[in-house]
All heavy atoms as atom14 arrays in JSON, in Angstrom:
{
  "sequence": "GKTQNFQIIDITPEVIRDYFEEITPPPEEGSEPLDSMPKPSSTAQ",
  "atom14_mask": [
    [1, 1, 1, 1, 0, 0, 0, 0, 0, 0, 0, 0, 0, 0],
    [1, 1, 1, 1, 1, 1, 1, 1, 1, 0, 0, 0, 0, 0],
    [1, 1, 1, 1, 1, 1, 1, 0, 0, 0, 0, 0, 0, 0],
    [1, 1, 1, 1, 1, 1, 1, 1, 1, 0, 0, 0, 0, 0],
    [1, 1, 1, 1, 1, 1, 1, 1, 0, 0, 0, 0, 0, 0],
    [1, 1, 1, 1, 1, 1, 1, 1, 1, 1, 1, 0, 0, 0],
    [1, 1, 1, 1, 1, 1, 1, 1, 1, 0, 0, 0, 0, 0],
    [1, 1, 1, 1, 1, 1, 1, 1, 0, 0, 0, 0, 0, 0],
    [1, 1, 1, 1, 1, 1, 1, 1, 0, 0, 0, 0, 0, 0],
    [1, 1, 1, 1, 1, 1, 1, 1, 0, 0, 0, 0, 0, 0],
    [1, 1, 1, 1, 1, 1, 1, 1, 0, 0, 0, 0, 0, 0],
    [1, 1, 1, 1, 1, 1, 1, 0, 0, 0, 0, 0, 0, 0],
    [1, 1, 1, 1, 1, 1, 1, 0, 0, 0, 0, 0, 0, 0],
    [1, 1, 1, 1, 1, 1, 1, 1, 1, 0, 0, 0, 0, 0],
    [1, 1, 1, 1, 1, 1, 1, 0, 0, 0, 0, 0, 0, 0],
    [1, 1, 1, 1, 1, 1, 1, 1, 0, 0, 0, 0, 0, 0],
    [1, 1, 1, 1, 1, 1, 1, 1, 1, 1, 1, 0, 0, 0],
    [1, 1, 1, 1, 1, 1, 1, 1, 0, 0, 0, 0, 0, 0],
    [1, 1, 1, 1, 1, 1, 1, 1, 1, 1, 1, 1, 0, 0],
    [1, 1, 1, 1, 1, 1, 1, 1, 1, 1, 1, 0, 0, 0],
    [1, 1, 1, 1, 1, 1, 1, 1, 1, 0, 0, 0, 0, 0],
    [1, 1, 1, 1, 1, 1, 1, 1, 1, 0, 0, 0, 0, 0],
    [1, 1, 1, 1, 1, 1, 1, 1, 0, 0, 0, 0, 0, 0],
    [1, 1, 1, 1, 1, 1, 1, 0, 0, 0, 0, 0, 0, 0],
    [1, 1, 1, 1, 1, 1, 1, 0, 0, 0, 0, 0, 0, 0],
    [1, 1, 1, 1, 1, 1, 1, 0, 0, 0, 0, 0, 0, 0],
    [1, 1, 1, 1, 1, 1, 1, 0, 0, 0, 0, 0, 0, 0],
    [1, 1, 1, 1, 1, 1, 1, 1, 1, 0, 0, 0, 0, 0],
    [1, 1, 1, 1, 1, 1, 1, 1, 1, 0, 0, 0, 0, 0],
    [1, 1, 1, 1, 0, 0, 0, 0, 0, 0, 0, 0, 0, 0],
    [1, 1, 1, 1, 1, 1, 0, 0, 0, 0, 0, 0, 0, 0],
    [1, 1, 1, 1, 1, 1, 1, 1, 1, 0, 0, 0, 0, 0],
    [1, 1, 1, 1, 1, 1, 1, 0, 0, 0, 0, 0, 0, 0],
    [1, 1, 1, 1, 1, 1, 1, 1, 0, 0, 0, 0, 0, 0],
    [1, 1, 1, 1, 1, 1, 1, 1, 0, 0, 0, 0, 0, 0],
    [1, 1, 1, 1, 1, 1, 0, 0, 0, 0, 0, 0, 0, 0],
    [1, 1, 1, 1, 1, 1, 1, 1, 0, 0, 0, 0, 0, 0],
    [1, 1, 1, 1, 1, 1, 1, 0, 0, 0, 0, 0, 0, 0],
    [1, 1, 1, 1, 1, 1, 1, 1, 1, 0, 0, 0, 0, 0],
    [1, 1, 1, 1, 1, 1, 1, 0, 0, 0, 0, 0, 0, 0],
    [1, 1, 1, 1, 1, 1, 0, 0, 0, 0, 0, 0, 0, 0],
    [1, 1, 1, 1, 1, 1, 0, 0, 0, 0, 0, 0, 0, 0],
    [1, 1, 1, 1, 1, 1, 1, 0, 0, 0, 0, 0, 0, 0],
    [1, 1, 1, 1, 1, 0, 0, 0, 0, 0, 0, 0, 0, 0],
    [1, 1, 1, 1, 1, 1, 1, 1, 1, 0, 0, 0, 0, 0]
  ],
  "atom14_positions": [
    [[47.4, 119.75, 185.92], [47.27, 120.72, 185.04], [48.17, 120.67, 183.71], [48.16, 121.47, 182.92], [0.0, 0.0, 0.0], [0.0, 0.0, 0.0], [0.0, 0.0, 0.0], [0.0, 0.0, 0.0], [0.0, 0.0, 0.0], [0.0, 0.0, 0.0], [0.0, 0.0, 0.0], [0.0, 0.0, 0.0], [0.0, 0.0, 0.0], [0.0, 0.0, 0.0]],
    [[48.86, 119.45, 183.51], [49.68, 119.29, 182.34], [49.06, 118.09, 181.53], [48.71, 117.07, 182.02], [51.16, 119.07, 182.73], [51.78, 120.11, 183.46], [53.25, 119.7, 183.86], [54.03, 121.0, 184.49], [55.42, 120.68, 184.84], [0.0, 0.0, 0.0], [0.0, 0.0, 0.0], [0.0, 0.0, 0.0], [0.0, 0.0, 0.0], [0.0, 0.0, 0.0]],
    [[49.2, 118.36, 180.22], [48.73, 117.34, 179.31], [49.79, 116.19, 179.23], [51.01, 116.5, 178.98], [48.41, 117.85, 177.97], [47.42, 118.84, 178.1], [47.96, 116.82, 176.97], [0.0, 0.0, 0.0], [0.0, 0.0, 0.0], [0.0, 0.0, 0.0], [0.0, 0.0, 0.0], [0.0, 0.0, 0.0], [0.0, 0.0, 0.0], [0.0, 0.0, 0.0]],
    [[49.4, 114.93, 179.36], [50.3, 113.78, 179.36], [50.07, 113.02, 178.04], [49.02, 112.75, 177.55], [50.08, 112.83, 180.54], [50.22, 113.48, 181.87], [51.7, 113.93, 182.05], [52.61, 113.18, 181.88], [51.69, 115.24, 182.64], [0.0, 0.0, 0.0], [0.0, 0.0, 0.0], [0.0, 0.0, 0.0], [0.0, 0.0, 0.0], [0.0, 0.0, 0.0]],
    [[51.19, 112.74, 177.31], [51.12, 112.04, 176.11], [51.27, 110.48, 176.35], [52.0, 110.07, 177.39], [52.28, 112.4, 175.12], [51.97, 113.86, 174.61], [50.9, 114.35, 174.62], [53.07, 114.51, 174.24], [0.0, 0.0, 0.0], [0.0, 0.0, 0.0], [0.0, 0.0, 0.0], [0.0, 0.0, 0.0], [0.0, 0.0, 0.0], [0.0, 0.0, 0.0]],
    [[50.48, 109.63, 175.59], [50.6, 108.25, 175.85], [50.93, 107.59, 174.5], [50.7, 108.17, 173.38], [49.17, 107.76, 176.25], [48.73, 108.2, 177.62], [48.04, 109.43, 177.79], [49.12, 107.51, 178.76], [47.68, 109.76, 179.06], [48.75, 107.92, 179.98], [48.09, 109.16, 180.18], [0.0, 0.0, 0.0], [0.0, 0.0, 0.0], [0.0, 0.0, 0.0]],
    [[51.48, 106.41, 174.58], [51.91, 105.55, 173.47], [51.23, 104.23, 173.54], [51.35, 103.56, 174.63], [53.39, 105.47, 173.25], [53.75, 104.63, 172.15], [55.39, 104.53, 171.99], [55.96, 104.71, 173.03], [55.84, 104.29, 170.86], [0.0, 0.0, 0.0], [0.0, 0.0, 0.0], [0.0, 0.0, 0.0], [0.0, 0.0, 0.0], [0.0, 0.0, 0.0]],
    [[50.45, 103.89, 172.56], [49.77, 102.58, 172.61], [50.77, 101.56, 172.09], [51.38, 101.63, 171.0], [48.53, 102.57, 171.75], [47.42, 103.59, 172.3], [47.89, 101.16, 171.61], [46.26, 103.7, 171.42], [0.0, 0.0, 0.0], [0.0, 0.0, 0.0], [0.0, 0.0, 0.0], [0.0, 0.0, 0.0], [0.0, 0.0, 0.0], [0.0, 0.0, 0.0]],
    [[50.89, 100.47, 172.96], [52.0, 99.53, 172.57], [51.32, 98.24, 172.27], [50.41, 97.81, 172.85], [52.9, 99.34, 173.75], [53.67, 100.62, 174.14], [53.92, 98.19, 173.44], [54.47, 100.47, 175.39], [0.0, 0.0, 0.0], [0.0, 0.0, 0.0], [0.0, 0.0, 0.0], [0.0, 0.0, 0.0], [0.0, 0.0, 0.0], [0.0, 0.0, 0.0]],
    [[51.77, 97.67, 171.11], [51.18, 96.36, 170.69], [51.83, 95.19, 171.53], [53.0, 94.94, 171.43], [51.48, 96.06, 169.25], [50.89, 94.83, 168.71], [50.19, 94.12, 169.56], [51.08, 94.48, 167.49], [0.0, 0.0, 0.0], [0.0, 0.0, 0.0], [0.0, 0.0, 0.0], [0.0, 0.0, 0.0], [0.0, 0.0, 0.0], [0.0, 0.0, 0.0]],
    [[50.97, 94.5, 172.35], [51.52, 93.43, 173.23], [51.01, 92.13, 172.75], [50.99, 91.15, 173.59], [51.21, 93.66, 174.66], [49.72, 93.81, 174.99], [51.8, 94.94, 175.18], [49.22, 93.77, 176.33], [0.0, 0.0, 0.0], [0.0, 0.0, 0.0], [0.0, 0.0, 0.0], [0.0, 0.0, 0.0], [0.0, 0.0, 0.0], [0.0, 0.0, 0.0]],
    [[50.55, 91.97, 171.45], [50.08, 90.69, 170.96], [51.02, 89.62, 171.23], [50.64, 88.54, 171.6], [49.66, 90.9, 169.52], [48.74, 92.05, 169.51], [48.98, 89.68, 169.01], [0.0, 0.0, 0.0], [0.0, 0.0, 0.0], [0.0, 0.0, 0.0], [0.0, 0.0, 0.0], [0.0, 0.0, 0.0], [0.0, 0.0, 0.0], [0.0, 0.0, 0.0]],
    [[52.43, 89.78, 170.77], [53.24, 88.67, 171.01], [53.37, 88.18, 172.38], [53.52, 87.01, 172.6], [54.64, 89.3, 170.45], [54.21, 90.36, 169.57], [52.93, 90.93, 170.19], [0.0, 0.0, 0.0], [0.0, 0.0, 0.0], [0.0, 0.0, 0.0], [0.0, 0.0, 0.0], [0.0, 0.0, 0.0], [0.0, 0.0, 0.0], [0.0, 0.0, 0.0]],
    [[53.35, 89.15, 173.32], [53.41, 88.7, 174.78], [52.16, 87.94, 175.14], [52.24, 86.97, 175.89], [53.57, 89.92, 175.59], [54.98, 90.57, 175.55], [55.16, 91.47, 174.35], [54.1, 91.58, 173.67], [56.13, 92.21, 174.38], [0.0, 0.0, 0.0], [0.0, 0.0, 0.0], [0.0, 0.0, 0.0], [0.0, 0.0, 0.0], [0.0, 0.0, 0.0]],
    [[50.99, 88.35, 174.59], [49.82, 87.64, 175.03], [49.82, 86.16, 174.49], [49.48, 85.27, 175.14], [48.52, 88.38, 174.56], [47.19, 87.56, 174.71], [48.37, 89.73, 175.1], [0.0, 0.0, 0.0], [0.0, 0.0, 0.0], [0.0, 0.0, 0.0], [0.0, 0.0, 0.0], [0.0, 0.0, 0.0], [0.0, 0.0, 0.0], [0.0, 0.0, 0.0]],
    [[50.14, 86.09, 173.13], [50.27, 84.72, 172.66], [51.4, 83.92, 173.36], [51.07, 82.74, 173.59], [50.69, 84.94, 171.08], [49.58, 85.55, 170.36], [50.94, 83.49, 170.45], [49.76, 85.98, 168.95], [0.0, 0.0, 0.0], [0.0, 0.0, 0.0], [0.0, 0.0, 0.0], [0.0, 0.0, 0.0], [0.0, 0.0, 0.0], [0.0, 0.0, 0.0]],
    [[52.45, 84.47, 173.64], [53.46, 83.68, 174.33], [52.96, 83.21, 175.76], [53.21, 81.98, 176.07], [54.69, 84.58, 174.5], [55.85, 83.83, 175.34], [56.85, 84.92, 175.67], [56.38, 85.78, 176.69], [56.69, 87.1, 176.91], [57.79, 87.58, 176.24], [56.07, 87.82, 177.73], [0.0, 0.0, 0.0], [0.0, 0.0, 0.0], [0.0, 0.0, 0.0]],
    [[52.21, 84.04, 176.47], [51.83, 83.65, 177.76], [50.7, 82.69, 177.72], [50.55, 81.73, 178.55], [51.28, 84.9, 178.57], [52.29, 85.87, 178.95], [53.55, 85.43, 178.98], [52.07, 87.02, 179.25], [0.0, 0.0, 0.0], [0.0, 0.0, 0.0], [0.0, 0.0, 0.0], [0.0, 0.0, 0.0], [0.0, 0.0, 0.0], [0.0, 0.0, 0.0]],
    [[49.84, 82.74, 176.68], [48.72, 81.9, 176.62], [49.05, 80.38, 176.15], [48.58, 79.45, 176.62], [47.55, 82.42, 175.74], [46.35, 81.71, 175.82], [45.4, 81.95, 176.96], [45.95, 80.87, 174.82], [44.29, 81.36, 176.99], [44.75, 80.11, 175.01], [43.74, 80.36, 176.03], [42.61, 79.71, 176.12], [0.0, 0.0, 0.0], [0.0, 0.0, 0.0]],
    [[50.11, 80.44, 175.19], [50.45, 79.1, 174.62], [51.89, 78.84, 174.99], [52.62, 78.51, 174.07], [50.28, 79.26, 173.11], [48.83, 79.48, 172.71], [48.6, 80.66, 171.94], [47.82, 78.64, 173.05], [47.33, 80.88, 171.5], [46.48, 79.03, 172.58], [46.22, 80.12, 171.89], [0.0, 0.0, 0.0], [0.0, 0.0, 0.0], [0.0, 0.0, 0.0]],
    [[52.28, 79.07, 176.21], [53.59, 78.92, 176.58], [54.23, 77.61, 176.37], [55.35, 77.45, 176.08], [53.86, 79.35, 178.12], [55.2, 79.49, 178.55], [55.25, 79.96, 180.07], [54.29, 79.94, 180.65], [56.43, 80.2, 180.45], [0.0, 0.0, 0.0], [0.0, 0.0, 0.0], [0.0, 0.0, 0.0], [0.0, 0.0, 0.0], [0.0, 0.0, 0.0]],
    [[53.36, 76.57, 176.57], [53.92, 75.2, 176.52], [54.27, 74.77, 175.08], [54.94, 73.68, 174.96], [52.96, 74.2, 177.09], [51.76, 73.97, 176.27], [50.71, 74.98, 176.42], [50.93, 76.05, 177.1], [49.62, 74.94, 175.75], [0.0, 0.0, 0.0], [0.0, 0.0, 0.0], [0.0, 0.0, 0.0], [0.0, 0.0, 0.0], [0.0, 0.0, 0.0]],
    [[53.84, 75.54, 174.16], [54.16, 75.1, 172.71], [55.14, 76.03, 172.05], [55.37, 75.8, 170.89], [52.78, 75.01, 171.86], [52.17, 76.4, 171.74], [51.75, 73.96, 172.41], [51.07, 76.47, 170.72], [0.0, 0.0, 0.0], [0.0, 0.0, 0.0], [0.0, 0.0, 0.0], [0.0, 0.0, 0.0], [0.0, 0.0, 0.0], [0.0, 0.0, 0.0]],
    [[55.65, 77.06, 172.73], [56.66, 77.92, 172.24], [57.99, 77.39, 172.5], [58.33, 77.25, 173.61], [56.47, 79.32, 172.86], [55.14, 79.73, 172.74], [57.46, 80.36, 172.25], [0.0, 0.0, 0.0], [0.0, 0.0, 0.0], [0.0, 0.0, 0.0], [0.0, 0.0, 0.0], [0.0, 0.0, 0.0], [0.0, 0.0, 0.0], [0.0, 0.0, 0.0]],
    [[58.74, 77.12, 171.4], [60.12, 76.65, 171.59], [60.98, 77.7, 172.2], [60.89, 78.91, 172.08], [60.6, 76.37, 170.18], [59.75, 77.24, 169.36], [58.45, 77.44, 170.03], [0.0, 0.0, 0.0], [0.0, 0.0, 0.0], [0.0, 0.0, 0.0], [0.0, 0.0, 0.0], [0.0, 0.0, 0.0], [0.0, 0.0, 0.0], [0.0, 0.0, 0.0]],
    [[61.92, 77.31, 173.2], [62.77, 78.33, 173.82], [63.75, 78.82, 172.82], [64.14, 78.19, 171.72], [63.58, 77.37, 174.82], [63.56, 76.05, 174.32], [62.2, 75.86, 173.52], [0.0, 0.0, 0.0], [0.0, 0.0, 0.0], [0.0, 0.0, 0.0], [0.0, 0.0, 0.0], [0.0, 0.0, 0.0], [0.0, 0.0, 0.0], [0.0, 0.0, 0.0]],
    [[64.21, 80.08, 172.95], [65.08, 80.77, 172.07], [66.52, 80.05, 172.09], [66.87, 79.54, 173.12], [65.21, 82.24, 172.5], [64.87, 82.15, 174.03], [63.87, 81.03, 174.1], [0.0, 0.0, 0.0], [0.0, 0.0, 0.0], [0.0, 0.0, 0.0], [0.0, 0.0, 0.0], [0.0, 0.0, 0.0], [0.0, 0.0, 0.0], [0.0, 0.0, 0.0]],
    [[67.11, 80.01, 170.9], [68.37, 79.43, 170.83], [69.49, 80.18, 171.66], [69.39, 81.42, 171.82], [68.79, 79.31, 169.41], [68.0, 78.44, 168.5], [68.59, 78.25, 167.16], [69.66, 78.88, 166.86], [67.83, 77.67, 166.34], [0.0, 0.0, 0.0], [0.0, 0.0, 0.0], [0.0, 0.0, 0.0], [0.0, 0.0, 0.0], [0.0, 0.0, 0.0]],
    [[70.4, 79.54, 172.17], [71.49, 80.2, 173.04], [72.18, 81.16, 172.23], [72.67, 80.86, 171.09], [72.3, 79.18, 173.63], [73.36, 79.73, 174.59], [74.3, 78.69, 175.23], [73.97, 77.5, 174.86], [75.15, 79.05, 175.93], [0.0, 0.0, 0.0], [0.0, 0.0, 0.0], [0.0, 0.0, 0.0], [0.0, 0.0, 0.0], [0.0, 0.0, 0.0]],
    [[72.3, 82.37, 172.7], [73.05, 83.38, 172.08], [72.21, 84.27, 171.06], [72.67, 85.17, 170.58], [0.0, 0.0, 0.0], [0.0, 0.0, 0.0], [0.0, 0.0, 0.0], [0.0, 0.0, 0.0], [0.0, 0.0, 0.0], [0.0, 0.0, 0.0], [0.0, 0.0, 0.0], [0.0, 0.0, 0.0], [0.0, 0.0, 0.0], [0.0, 0.0, 0.0]],
    [[70.93, 83.91, 170.84], [70.07, 84.72, 169.93], [69.31, 85.68, 170.83], [69.03, 85.6, 172.0], [69.24, 83.69, 169.19], [68.3, 83.16, 170.09], [0.0, 0.0, 0.0], [0.0, 0.0, 0.0], [0.0, 0.0, 0.0], [0.0, 0.0, 0.0], [0.0, 0.0, 0.0], [0.0, 0.0, 0.0], [0.0, 0.0, 0.0], [0.0, 0.0, 0.0]],
    [[68.86, 86.74, 169.95], [68.04, 87.82, 170.7], [66.61, 87.22, 170.77], [66.1, 86.64, 169.9], [67.99, 89.03, 169.75], [69.38, 89.76, 169.76], [69.61, 90.5, 171.17], [68.63, 90.89, 171.7], [70.76, 90.68, 171.47], [0.0, 0.0, 0.0], [0.0, 0.0, 0.0], [0.0, 0.0, 0.0], [0.0, 0.0, 0.0], [0.0, 0.0, 0.0]],
    [[65.95, 87.55, 171.9], [64.51, 87.17, 171.94], [63.61, 87.88, 170.98], [64.14, 89.01, 170.51], [64.2, 87.65, 173.45], [65.14, 88.69, 173.77], [66.5, 88.27, 173.08], [0.0, 0.0, 0.0], [0.0, 0.0, 0.0], [0.0, 0.0, 0.0], [0.0, 0.0, 0.0], [0.0, 0.0, 0.0], [0.0, 0.0, 0.0], [0.0, 0.0, 0.0]],
    [[62.58, 87.41, 170.65], [61.62, 88.11, 169.61], [61.3, 89.46, 169.98], [61.17, 90.25, 169.24], [60.3, 87.18, 169.57], [59.34, 87.64, 168.59], [59.89, 87.69, 167.18], [58.07, 86.81, 168.75], [0.0, 0.0, 0.0], [0.0, 0.0, 0.0], [0.0, 0.0, 0.0], [0.0, 0.0, 0.0], [0.0, 0.0, 0.0], [0.0, 0.0, 0.0]],
    [[61.09, 89.67, 171.41], [60.56, 91.05, 171.84], [61.66, 92.1, 171.48], [61.3, 93.21, 171.36], [60.34, 91.05, 173.25], [59.31, 90.05, 173.68], [58.63, 89.55, 172.79], [59.16, 89.8, 174.89], [0.0, 0.0, 0.0], [0.0, 0.0, 0.0], [0.0, 0.0, 0.0], [0.0, 0.0, 0.0], [0.0, 0.0, 0.0], [0.0, 0.0, 0.0]],
    [[62.87, 91.7, 171.36], [63.97, 92.77, 171.03], [64.12, 93.01, 169.58], [64.85, 93.94, 169.22], [65.31, 92.2, 171.64], [65.71, 91.14, 170.78], [0.0, 0.0, 0.0], [0.0, 0.0, 0.0], [0.0, 0.0, 0.0], [0.0, 0.0, 0.0], [0.0, 0.0, 0.0], [0.0, 0.0, 0.0], [0.0, 0.0, 0.0], [0.0, 0.0, 0.0]],
    [[63.37, 92.4, 168.79], [63.4, 92.6, 167.26], [62.79, 94.08, 167.05], [61.68, 94.24, 167.59], [62.83, 91.56, 166.45], [63.43, 90.28, 166.61], [65.03, 90.25, 165.65], [64.33, 90.28, 163.93], [0.0, 0.0, 0.0], [0.0, 0.0, 0.0], [0.0, 0.0, 0.0], [0.0, 0.0, 0.0], [0.0, 0.0, 0.0], [0.0, 0.0, 0.0]],
    [[63.39, 94.86, 166.24], [62.72, 96.1, 165.83], [61.42, 95.9, 165.07], [61.41, 95.11, 164.1], [63.75, 96.87, 165.01], [64.65, 95.81, 164.47], [64.63, 94.69, 165.51], [0.0, 0.0, 0.0], [0.0, 0.0, 0.0], [0.0, 0.0, 0.0], [0.0, 0.0, 0.0], [0.0, 0.0, 0.0], [0.0, 0.0, 0.0], [0.0, 0.0, 0.0]],
    [[60.35, 96.57, 165.52], [59.14, 96.43, 164.83], [58.83, 97.71, 164.21], [58.97, 98.77, 164.73], [57.97, 96.0, 165.71], [58.28, 94.65, 166.37], [57.14, 94.18, 167.34], [57.4, 92.84, 168.03], [58.6, 92.76, 168.75], [0.0, 0.0, 0.0], [0.0, 0.0, 0.0], [0.0, 0.0, 0.0], [0.0, 0.0, 0.0], [0.0, 0.0, 0.0]],
    [[58.25, 97.77, 162.96], [57.75, 98.94, 162.29], [56.65, 99.57, 163.09], [55.81, 98.92, 163.61], [57.29, 98.45, 160.86], [57.01, 97.05, 161.02], [57.87, 96.51, 162.17], [0.0, 0.0, 0.0], [0.0, 0.0, 0.0], [0.0, 0.0, 0.0], [0.0, 0.0, 0.0], [0.0, 0.0, 0.0], [0.0, 0.0, 0.0], [0.0, 0.0, 0.0]],
    [[56.68, 100.86, 162.99], [55.59, 101.72, 163.68], [54.37, 101.61, 162.79], [54.35, 101.29, 161.69], [55.98, 103.0, 163.73], [57.17, 103.25, 164.5], [0.0, 0.0, 0.0], [0.0, 0.0, 0.0], [0.0, 0.0, 0.0], [0.0, 0.0, 0.0], [0.0, 0.0, 0.0], [0.0, 0.0, 0.0], [0.0, 0.0, 0.0], [0.0, 0.0, 0.0]],
    [[53.17, 101.91, 163.5], [51.91, 101.83, 162.9], [51.09, 103.08, 163.28], [51.71, 103.95, 164.08], [51.1, 100.58, 163.12], [50.74, 100.65, 164.52], [0.0, 0.0, 0.0], [0.0, 0.0, 0.0], [0.0, 0.0, 0.0], [0.0, 0.0, 0.0], [0.0, 0.0, 0.0], [0.0, 0.0, 0.0], [0.0, 0.0, 0.0], [0.0, 0.0, 0.0]],
    [[49.93, 103.29, 162.76], [49.1, 104.42, 163.1], [48.72, 104.34, 164.54], [48.17, 105.37, 165.03], [47.9, 104.59, 162.14], [47.23, 103.35, 162.25], [48.38, 104.75, 160.74], [0.0, 0.0, 0.0], [0.0, 0.0, 0.0], [0.0, 0.0, 0.0], [0.0, 0.0, 0.0], [0.0, 0.0, 0.0], [0.0, 0.0, 0.0], [0.0, 0.0, 0.0]],
    [[48.8, 103.33, 165.07], [48.51, 103.12, 166.63], [49.5, 103.73, 167.46], [49.24, 103.99, 168.66], [48.3, 101.61, 166.95], [0.0, 0.0, 0.0], [0.0, 0.0, 0.0], [0.0, 0.0, 0.0], [0.0, 0.0, 0.0], [0.0, 0.0, 0.0], [0.0, 0.0, 0.0], [0.0, 0.0, 0.0], [0.0, 0.0, 0.0], [0.0, 0.0, 0.0]],
    [[50.68, 104.03, 166.98], [51.7, 104.76, 167.85], [51.45, 106.22, 167.67], [51.6, 106.91, 166.73], [53.01, 104.44, 167.35], [53.4, 102.97, 167.62], [54.85, 102.63, 167.21], [55.36, 103.32, 166.15], [55.53, 101.77, 167.83], [0.0, 0.0, 0.0], [0.0, 0.0, 0.0], [0.0, 0.0, 0.0], [0.0, 0.0, 0.0], [0.0, 0.0, 0.0]]
  ]
}
């Protein structure tokens, strides 16, 4: 009986990473992974 809010999340980088895993260079030691970079919001949020 309660309305639930949802947030659409862009997972394009994860899809690309999983599909082309063998051509993606590993992150340098001590650097932040790409997923942790802040991304600007869009109208999809």
